[in-house]
C-alpha atoms as a PDB file:
ATOM      1  CA  MET A   1     -20.115  -3.963  16.267  1.00  0.00           C
ATOM      2  CA  GLN A   2     -18.041  -0.878  15.932  1.00  0.00           C
ATOM      3  CA  LEU A   3     -18.665  -0.551  12.248  1.00  0.00           C
ATOM      4  CA  ASP A   4     -22.032  -0.520  11.894  1.00  0.00           C
ATOM      5  CA  ASP A   5     -22.134   1.565  14.922  1.00  0.00           C
ATOM      6  CA  ALA A   6     -23.944   5.076  12.821  1.00  0.00           C
ATOM      7  CA  ASP A   7     -23.133   7.436  15.882  1.00  0.00           C
ATOM      8  CA  LYS A   8     -19.141   6.270  15.349  1.00  0.00           C
ATOM      9  CA  GLY A   9     -19.100   7.695  11.853  1.00  0.00           C
ATOM     10  CA  PHE A  10     -17.212   4.103  10.781  1.00  0.00           C
ATOM     11  CA  SER A  11     -20.173   3.994   8.097  1.00  0.00           C
ATOM     12  CA  PHE A  12     -21.758   5.790   5.288  1.00  0.00           C
ATOM     13  CA  ILE A  13     -24.985   3.737   4.940  1.00  0.00           C
ATOM     14  CA  ARG A  14     -26.209   5.354   7.879  1.00  0.00           C
ATOM     15  CA  GLU A  15     -25.626   8.788   8.619  1.00  0.00           C
ATOM     16  CA  GLY A  16     -23.864   9.843  11.960  1.00  0.00           C
ATOM     17  CA  PRO A  17     -21.164  12.440  13.398  1.00  0.00           C
ATOM     18  CA  LEU A  18     -17.991  12.016  11.157  1.00  0.00           C
ATOM     19  CA  ASP A  19     -16.532  10.889  14.355  1.00  0.00           C
ATOM     20  CA  MET A  20     -14.321   7.008  13.492  1.00  0.00           C
ATOM     21  CA  ARG A  21     -12.310   6.315  16.979  1.00  0.00           C
ATOM     22  CA  MET A  22     -12.232   3.010  18.278  1.00  0.00           C
ATOM     23  CA  ASP A  23     -11.499   4.598  21.531  1.00  0.00           C
ATOM     24  CA  PRO A  24     -13.995   7.022  22.441  1.00  0.00           C
ATOM     25  CA  ASP A  25     -11.800   8.933  25.232  1.00  0.00           C
ATOM     26  CA  GLN A  26      -9.077   9.484  22.579  1.00  0.00           C
ATOM     27  CA  PRO A  27      -8.987  13.400  21.013  1.00  0.00           C
ATOM     28  CA  LEU A  28      -8.395  12.830  17.817  1.00  0.00           C
ATOM     29  CA  ASN A  29     -11.444  12.188  15.811  1.00  0.00           C
ATOM     30  CA  ALA A  30     -12.116  12.022  11.415  1.00  0.00           C
ATOM     31  CA  ALA A  31     -13.659  15.564  11.384  1.00  0.00           C
ATOM     32  CA  ASP A  32     -10.792  16.868  13.263  1.00  0.00           C
ATOM     33  CA  ILE A  33      -8.762  15.796  10.468  1.00  0.00           C
ATOM     34  CA  VAL A  34     -11.549  16.240   8.133  1.00  0.00           C
ATOM     35  CA  ASN A  35     -12.418  19.676   8.144  1.00  0.00           C
ATOM     36  CA  GLY A  36      -8.484  21.067  10.078  1.00  0.00           C
ATOM     37  CA  TRP A  37      -5.604  19.051   8.511  1.00  0.00           C
ATOM     38  CA  PRO A  38      -3.997  20.708   5.312  1.00  0.00           C
ATOM     39  CA  GLU A  39      -4.375  19.232   1.903  1.00  0.00           C
ATOM     40  CA  GLU A  40      -1.539  17.908   1.727  1.00  0.00           C
ATOM     41  CA  GLU A  41      -1.572  15.184   4.394  1.00  0.00           C
ATOM     42  CA  LEU A  42      -5.383  14.737   3.327  1.00  0.00           C
ATOM     43  CA  GLY A  43      -3.568  13.697   0.624  1.00  0.00           C
ATOM     44  CA  ARG A  44      -1.355  11.483   2.078  1.00  0.00           C
ATOM     45  CA  ILE A  45      -3.836   9.680   4.278  1.00  0.00           C
ATOM     46  CA  ILE A  46      -5.936   9.173   0.774  1.00  0.00           C
ATOM     47  CA  ARG A  47      -3.090   7.813  -0.985  1.00  0.00           C
ATOM     48  CA  ASP A  48      -1.145   5.975   1.969  1.00  0.00           C
ATOM     49  CA  TYR A  49      -3.835   4.361   3.820  1.00  0.00           C
ATOM     50  CA  GLY A  50      -6.931   4.377   1.642  1.00  0.00           C
ATOM     51  CA  GLU A  51      -4.816   3.356  -1.443  1.00  0.00           C
ATOM     52  CA  ASP A  52      -6.836   5.822  -3.320  1.00  0.00           C
ATOM     53  CA  ARG A  53      -5.564   6.795  -6.980  1.00  0.00           C
ATOM     54  CA  CYS A  54      -7.982   9.758  -6.746  1.00  0.00           C
ATOM     55  CA  TRP A  55      -6.009  11.192  -3.556  1.00  0.00           C
ATOM     56  CA  ARG A  56      -5.063  14.790  -5.060  1.00  0.00           C
ATOM     57  CA  ARG A  57      -8.798  15.027  -6.224  1.00  0.00           C
ATOM     58  CA  TYR A  58     -10.290  13.932  -2.749  1.00  0.00           C
ATOM     59  CA  ALA A  59      -7.465  16.633  -1.021  1.00  0.00           C
ATOM     60  CA  ARG A  60      -8.453  19.445  -2.650  1.00  0.00           C
ATOM     61  CA  CYS A  61     -12.707  18.814  -3.212  1.00  0.00           C
ATOM     62  CA  ILE A  62     -12.700  18.385   0.708  1.00  0.00           C
ATOM     63  CA  VAL A  63     -10.668  21.712   1.161  1.00  0.00           C
ATOM     64  CA  GLU A  64     -12.653  23.800  -1.228  1.00  0.00           C
ATOM     65  CA  ALA A  65     -15.852  22.267   0.095  1.00  0.00           C
ATOM     66  CA  ARG A  66     -15.340  22.819   4.376  1.00  0.00           C
ATOM     67  CA  ASP A  67     -13.859  26.386   3.047  1.00  0.00           C
ATOM     68  CA  ALA A  68     -17.622  27.036   2.663  1.00  0.00           C
ATOM     69  CA  GLU A  69     -19.243  25.395   5.223  1.00  0.00           C
ATOM     70  CA  PRO A  70     -17.381  22.422   8.250  1.00  0.00           C
ATOM     71  CA  ILE A  71     -17.918  18.613   6.967  1.00  0.00           C
ATOM     72  CA  LYS A  72     -19.742  17.326  10.365  1.00  0.00           C
ATOM     73  CA  THR A  73     -21.706  14.124   9.035  1.00  0.00           C
ATOM     74  CA  THR A  74     -20.186  10.643   7.384  1.00  0.00           C
ATOM     75  CA  THR A  75     -23.285  11.248   4.476  1.00  0.00           C
ATOM     76  CA  GLN A  76     -22.094  14.786   3.916  1.00  0.00           C
ATOM     77  CA  LEU A  77     -18.594  13.461   3.231  1.00  0.00           C
ATOM     78  CA  ALA A  78     -19.583  10.641   1.119  1.00  0.00           C
ATOM     79  CA  ASP A  79     -22.181  11.901  -0.955  1.00  0.00           C
ATOM     80  CA  LEU A  80     -18.424  14.856  -1.674  1.00  0.00           C
ATOM     81  CA  ILE A  81     -16.229  12.129  -2.357  1.00  0.00           C
ATOM     82  CA  TYR A  82     -18.620  10.486  -5.172  1.00  0.00           C
ATOM     83  CA  ASP A  83     -20.337  14.123  -6.048  1.00  0.00           C
ATOM     84  CA  ASN A  84     -16.138  14.089  -7.525  1.00  0.00           C
ATOM     85  CA  ALA A  85     -14.637  10.836  -8.029  1.00  0.00           C
ATOM     86  CA  PRO A  86     -14.353  10.057 -11.941  1.00  0.00           C
ATOM     87  CA  ARG A  87     -17.216   9.289 -14.385  1.00  0.00           C
ATOM     88  CA  GLU A  88     -15.757   6.479 -15.738  1.00  0.00           C
ATOM     89  CA  TRP A  89     -14.473   5.366 -11.701  1.00  0.00           C
ATOM     90  CA  LYS A  90     -18.186   4.906 -11.004  1.00  0.00           C
ATOM     91  CA  LYS A  91     -18.818   2.920 -13.493  1.00  0.00           C
ATOM     92  CA  ARG A  92     -15.787   0.461 -12.874  1.00  0.00           C
ATOM     93  CA  ARG A  93     -15.783  -0.319  -9.769  1.00  0.00           C
ATOM     94  CA  THR A  94     -18.281  -2.197  -7.529  1.00  0.00           C
ATOM     95  CA  ILE A  95     -17.654  -0.405  -4.650  1.00  0.00           C
ATOM     96  CA  HIS A  96     -18.987   3.300  -3.152  1.00  0.00           C
ATOM     97  CA  PRO A  97     -16.179   5.916  -4.203  1.00  0.00           C
ATOM     98  CA  ALA A  98     -16.015   7.283  -0.398  1.00  0.00           C
ATOM     99  CA  THR A  99     -14.938   3.533   0.804  1.00  0.00           C
ATOM    100  CA  LEU A 100     -10.961   3.623   0.235  1.00  0.00           C
ATOM    101  CA  VAL A 101     -11.274   7.560   1.721  1.00  0.00           C
ATOM    102  CA  PHE A 102     -13.081   6.559   4.781  1.00  0.00           C
ATOM    103  CA  GLN A 103     -10.164   3.670   5.600  1.00  0.00           C
ATOM    104  CA  GLY A 104      -8.211   6.050   5.437  1.00  0.00           C
ATOM    105  CA  LEU A 105      -9.567   8.574   8.061  1.00  0.00           C
ATOM    106  CA  ARG A 106     -10.142   5.480  10.010  1.00  0.00           C
ATOM    107  CA  VAL A 107      -6.039   3.793  10.311  1.00  0.00           C
ATOM    108  CA  GLU A 108      -5.164   7.780  11.053  1.00  0.00           C
ATOM    109  CA  VAL A 109      -7.927   8.205  13.466  1.00  0.00           C
ATOM    110  CA  ASN A 110      -6.917   4.812  15.299  1.00  0.00           C
ATOM    111  CA  SER A 111      -2.735   4.452  14.434  1.00  0.00           C
ATOM    112  CA  GLU A 112      -4.094   0.913  13.244  1.00  0.00           C
ATOM    113  CA  LEU A 113      -1.022   0.013  11.878  1.00  0.00           C
ATOM    114  CA  ASP A 114       1.265   1.468  14.524  1.00  0.00           C
ATOM    115  CA  ALA A 115      -1.363  -1.227  16.337  1.00  0.00           C
ATOM    116  CA  VAL A 116      -0.512  -4.270  14.138  1.00  0.00           C
ATOM    117  CA  THR A 117       3.426  -3.083  14.235  1.00  0.00           C
ATOM    118  CA  THR A 118       3.917  -2.733  17.380  1.00  0.00           C
ATOM    119  CA  ALA A 119       1.928  -5.917  18.595  1.00  0.00           C
ATOM    120  CA  ILE A 120       3.613  -9.139  16.779  1.00  0.00           C
ATOM    121  CA  PRO A 121       6.801  -9.046  18.436  1.00  0.00           C
ATOM    122  CA  GLN A 122       4.998  -8.265  21.901  1.00  0.00           C
ATOM    123  CA  LEU A 123       2.776 -11.431  21.196  1.00  0.00           C
ATOM    124  CA  LEU A 124       6.293 -13.541  20.185  1.00  0.00           C
ATOM    125  CA  PRO A 125       8.263 -13.649  23.600  1.00  0.00           C
ATOM    126  CA  TYR A 126       4.503 -15.433  25.379  1.00  0.00           C
ATOM    127  CA  MET A 127       3.971 -18.114  22.224  1.00  0.00           C
ATOM    128  CA  ALA A 128       4.358 -22.154  23.822  1.00  0.00           C
ATOM    129  CA  PRO A 129       5.842 -24.924  21.646  1.00  0.00           C
ATOM    130  CA  LYS A 130       2.804 -25.874  18.955  1.00  0.00           C
ATOM    131  CA  GLY A 131       1.387 -22.058  19.875  1.00  0.00           C
ATOM    132  CA  GLN A 132       0.203 -20.412  17.295  1.00  0.00           C
ATOM    133  CA  ILE A 133      -0.888 -16.963  15.860  1.00  0.00           C
ATOM    134  CA  MET A 134      -3.621 -16.497  13.408  1.00  0.00           C
ATOM    135  CA  LEU A 135      -4.008 -13.030  11.899  1.00  0.00           C
ATOM    136  CA  ILE A 136      -6.692 -11.520   9.679  1.00  0.00           C
ATOM    137  CA  SER A 137      -6.580  -8.521   8.097  1.00  0.00           C
ATOM    138  CA  PHE A 138      -8.137  -6.568   5.588  1.00  0.00           C
ATOM    139  CA  HIS A 139      -6.866  -4.397   3.576  1.00  0.00           C
ATOM    140  CA  SER A 140      -2.825  -4.579   1.725  1.00  0.00           C
ATOM    141  CA  LEU A 141      -1.381  -2.480   4.224  1.00  0.00           C
ATOM    142  CA  GLU A 142      -2.031  -4.682   7.302  1.00  0.00           C
ATOM    143  CA  ASP A 143      -1.362  -7.388   5.432  1.00  0.00           C
ATOM    144  CA  ARG A 144       1.783  -6.710   4.430  1.00  0.00           C
ATOM    145  CA  ILE A 145       3.324  -5.481   7.467  1.00  0.00           C
ATOM    146  CA  VAL A 146       1.981  -9.120   9.167  1.00  0.00           C
ATOM    147  CA  LYS A 147       3.401 -11.465   6.214  1.00  0.00           C
ATOM    148  CA  ARG A 148       6.979  -9.013   7.138  1.00  0.00           C
ATOM    149  CA  ALA A 149       6.961  -9.283  10.447  1.00  0.00           C
ATOM    150  CA  PHE A 150       5.752 -13.460  10.358  1.00  0.00           C
ATOM    151  CA  LEU A 151       8.792 -13.882   7.777  1.00  0.00           C
ATOM    152  CA  LYS A 152      11.315 -12.114  10.053  1.00  0.00           C
ATOM    153  CA  ALA A 153      10.381 -14.159  13.292  1.00  0.00           C
ATOM    154  CA  GLN A 154      10.859 -17.257  11.185  1.00  0.00           C
ATOM    155  CA  GLU A 155      14.039 -16.225   9.815  1.00  0.00           C
ATOM    156  CA  ASP A 156      15.211 -15.424  13.705  1.00  0.00           C
ATOM    157  CA  ASP A 157      17.681 -18.066  14.307  1.00  0.00           C
ATOM    158  CA  THR A 158      19.037 -16.182  17.684  1.00  0.00           C
ATOM    159  CA  LEU A 159      15.532 -17.219  18.705  1.00  0.00           C
ATOM    160  CA  ASP A 160      14.894 -20.620  20.898  1.00  0.00           C
ATOM    161  CA  PRO A 161      12.391 -22.131  19.715  1.00  0.00           C
ATOM    162  CA  ARG A 162      12.639 -21.133  16.228  1.00  0.00           C
ATOM    163  CA  PHE A 163       9.293 -19.733  14.396  1.00  0.00           C
ATOM    164  CA  GLN A 164       7.641 -21.108  10.976  1.00  0.00           C
ATOM    165  CA  VAL A 165       4.937 -19.950   9.206  1.00  0.00           C
ATOM    166  CA  LEU A 166       2.149 -22.024   8.262  1.00  0.00           C
ATOM    167  CA  THR A 167       0.734 -20.140   5.365  1.00  0.00           C
ATOM    168  CA  LYS A 168       2.913 -19.771   2.411  1.00  0.00           C
ATOM    169  CA  ARG A 169       0.070 -17.662   1.019  1.00  0.00           C
ATOM    170  CA  PRO A 170      -3.224 -15.988   3.204  1.00  0.00           C
ATOM    171  CA  LEU A 171      -5.976 -17.475   3.466  1.00  0.00           C
ATOM    172  CA  ILE A 172      -9.022 -15.825   1.770  1.00  0.00           C
ATOM    173  CA  ALA A 173     -13.028 -16.327   1.909  1.00  0.00           C
ATOM    174  CA  ASP A 174     -14.307 -18.516  -0.137  1.00  0.00           C
ATOM    175  CA  ASP A 175     -18.219 -17.140  -1.969  1.00  0.00           C
ATOM    176  CA  GLU A 176     -19.961 -19.197  -0.260  1.00  0.00           C
ATOM    177  CA  GLU A 177     -18.641 -17.184   3.354  1.00  0.00           C
ATOM    178  CA  ILE A 178     -18.028 -13.696   0.962  1.00  0.00           C
ATOM    179  CA  GLU A 179     -21.907 -14.389   0.278  1.00  0.00           C
ATOM    180  CA  ALA A 180     -22.788 -14.337   3.446  1.00  0.00           C
ATOM    181  CA  ASN A 181     -20.647 -11.749   5.354  1.00  0.00           C
ATOM    182  CA  SER A 182     -19.820  -8.799   2.382  1.00  0.00           C
ATOM    183  CA  ARG A 183     -17.120  -8.316   4.268  1.00  0.00           C
ATOM    184  CA  SER A 184     -15.120 -10.861   4.019  1.00  0.00           C
ATOM    185  CA  ARG A 185     -13.716 -10.506   0.699  1.00  0.00           C
ATOM    186  CA  SER A 186     -10.884  -8.505   1.810  1.00  0.00           C
ATOM    187  CA  ALA A 187      -9.956 -10.590   4.365  1.00  0.00           C
ATOM    188  CA  LYS A 188      -6.940 -12.438   4.692  1.00  0.00           C
ATOM    189  CA  LEU A 189      -5.816 -14.760   7.309  1.00  0.00           C
ATOM    190  CA  ARG A 190      -2.174 -15.543   7.765  1.00  0.00           C
ATOM    191  CA  VAL A 191      -0.357 -18.164  10.992  1.00  0.00           C
ATOM    192  CA  LEU A 192       2.568 -18.195  12.257  1.00  0.00           C
ATOM    193  CA  GLN A 193       3.215 -20.943  14.482  1.00  0.00           C
ATOM    194  CA  ARG A 194       5.802 -21.493  17.607  1.00  0.00           C
ATOM    195  CA  MET A 195       8.776 -24.860  16.885  1.00  0.00           C
ATOM    196  CA  GLU A 196       9.446 -27.277  19.393  1.00  0.00           C
ATOM    197  CA  PRO A 197      12.944 -26.528  21.149  1.00  0.00           C
ATOM    198  CA  GLY A 198      15.757 -27.104  18.795  1.00  0.00           C
ATOM    199  CA  GLN A 199      13.920 -27.155  15.448  1.00  0.00           C
ATOM    200  CA  GLU A 200      15.023 -25.404  12.611  1.00  0.00           C
ATOM    201  CA  PRO A 201      11.850 -23.831  10.337  1.00  0.00           C
ATOM    202  CA  SER A 202      11.392 -25.003   6.308  1.00  0.00           C
ATOM    203  CA  MET A 203      12.784 -21.831   4.648  1.00  0.00           C
ATOM    204  CA  GLY A 204      12.433 -23.824   1.073  1.00  0.00           C
ATOM    205  CA  ARG A 205       9.149 -24.700  -0.644  1.00  0.00           C
ATOM    206  CA  LYS A 206       7.101 -25.820   1.565  1.00  0.00           C
ATOM    207  CA  LYS A 207       3.332 -27.226   1.292  1.00  0.00           C
ATOM    208  CA  ASN A 208       0.823 -24.979   2.436  1.00  0.00           C
ATOM    209  CA  LYS A 209      -0.239 -26.430   6.164  1.00  0.00           C
ATOM    210  CA  TYR A 210      -3.363 -24.048   5.259  1.00  0.00           C
ATOM    211  CA  ALA A 211      -3.915 -24.776   1.706  1.00  0.00           C
ATOM    212  CA  HIS A 212      -6.738 -27.304   1.683  1.00  0.00           C
ATOM    213  CA  LEU A 213      -8.969 -24.591   3.589  1.00  0.00           C
ATOM    214  CA  ARG A 214      -7.941 -21.516   1.028  1.00  0.00           C
ATOM    215  CA  GLY A 215     -11.374 -20.285  -0.706  1.00  0.00           C
ATOM    216  CA  LYS A 216     -11.809 -20.378  -4.123  1.00  0.00           C
ATOM    217  CA  SER A 217     -14.279 -17.756  -4.561  1.00  0.00           C
ATOM    218  CA  LYS A 218     -13.836 -15.693  -8.157  1.00  0.00           C
ATOM    219  CA  LYS A 219     -14.867 -12.844  -6.712  1.00  0.00           C
ATOM    220  CA  SER A 220     -11.712 -12.849  -4.707  1.00  0.00           C
ATOM    221  CA  SER A 221      -9.317 -14.169  -7.398  1.00  0.00           C
ATOM    222  CA  LYS A 222      -7.265 -11.640  -6.942  1.00  0.00           C
ATOM    223  CA  ALA A 223      -6.467 -11.669  -3.142  1.00  0.00           C
ATOM    224  CA  SER A 224      -6.185 -15.647  -3.327  1.00  0.00           C
ATOM    225  CA  GLY A 225      -1.894 -14.844  -3.221  1.00  0.00           C
ATOM    226  CA  ASP A 226       0.234 -12.963  -2.200  1.00  0.00           C
ATOM    227  CA  ASP A 227      -0.331  -9.494  -4.458  1.00  0.00           C
ATOM    228  CA  GLU A 228       2.755  -9.332  -5.128  1.00  0.00           C
ATOM    229  CA  GLY A 229       3.590  -6.593  -8.457  1.00  0.00           C
ATOM    230  CA  THR A 230      -0.569  -4.917  -6.968  1.00  0.00           C
ATOM    231  CA  ASN A 231      -0.656  -4.657  -3.320  1.00  0.00           C
ATOM    232  CA  ASP A 232       1.908  -5.878  -1.216  1.00  0.00           C
ATOM    233  CA  ASP A 233       6.239  -5.338  -2.376  1.00  0.00           C
ATOM    234  CA  ALA A 234       7.209  -7.674   0.020  1.00  0.00           C
END
């Protein structure tokens, strides 16, 4: 898996080059951004894609550090963020302070949100009646895009056959799955189905077809809904 490959630079668990490219042939990598982009752009990435409240602090410390010497490795960046994280943040949070910074950089390097936004509309015309799209997202920005795209497809009455959202709320992992795979803690699954010709989607309070599969995780209790008022503004 690419995210576990130290040479790809996605993880700071092991030292590796600050790369983060899914496609090794693309020119832009994380080191280019960290060492060359303006402080304002670094802040935007950490704020919008990492959703980190300390984005100003981290953007500033990156610029100050790179002025002394280039930031070349994953552990170098992770240690820098950790050293500059607020003390109270370290006490409250269970994840490493650099986690969201790395997420933001990865999203920017690979244009991940653009890929999600364009892929869903391209898939819809090829779906057969009763066919389903099941999409798993790993952070709220992706989940928000998927949710809105699925609802837009369901509400489009110019399509025949129509579409129906089968997951009123996203499915999440239960404690057992999280224990076996810690990355599943942030995963959310949504399902969209193409209907039979002439059928109309239910726009009311239709029972979630996959509700029985919803994870009952104490660790993920806040993620079991649509995050209204927190991570999802839809």
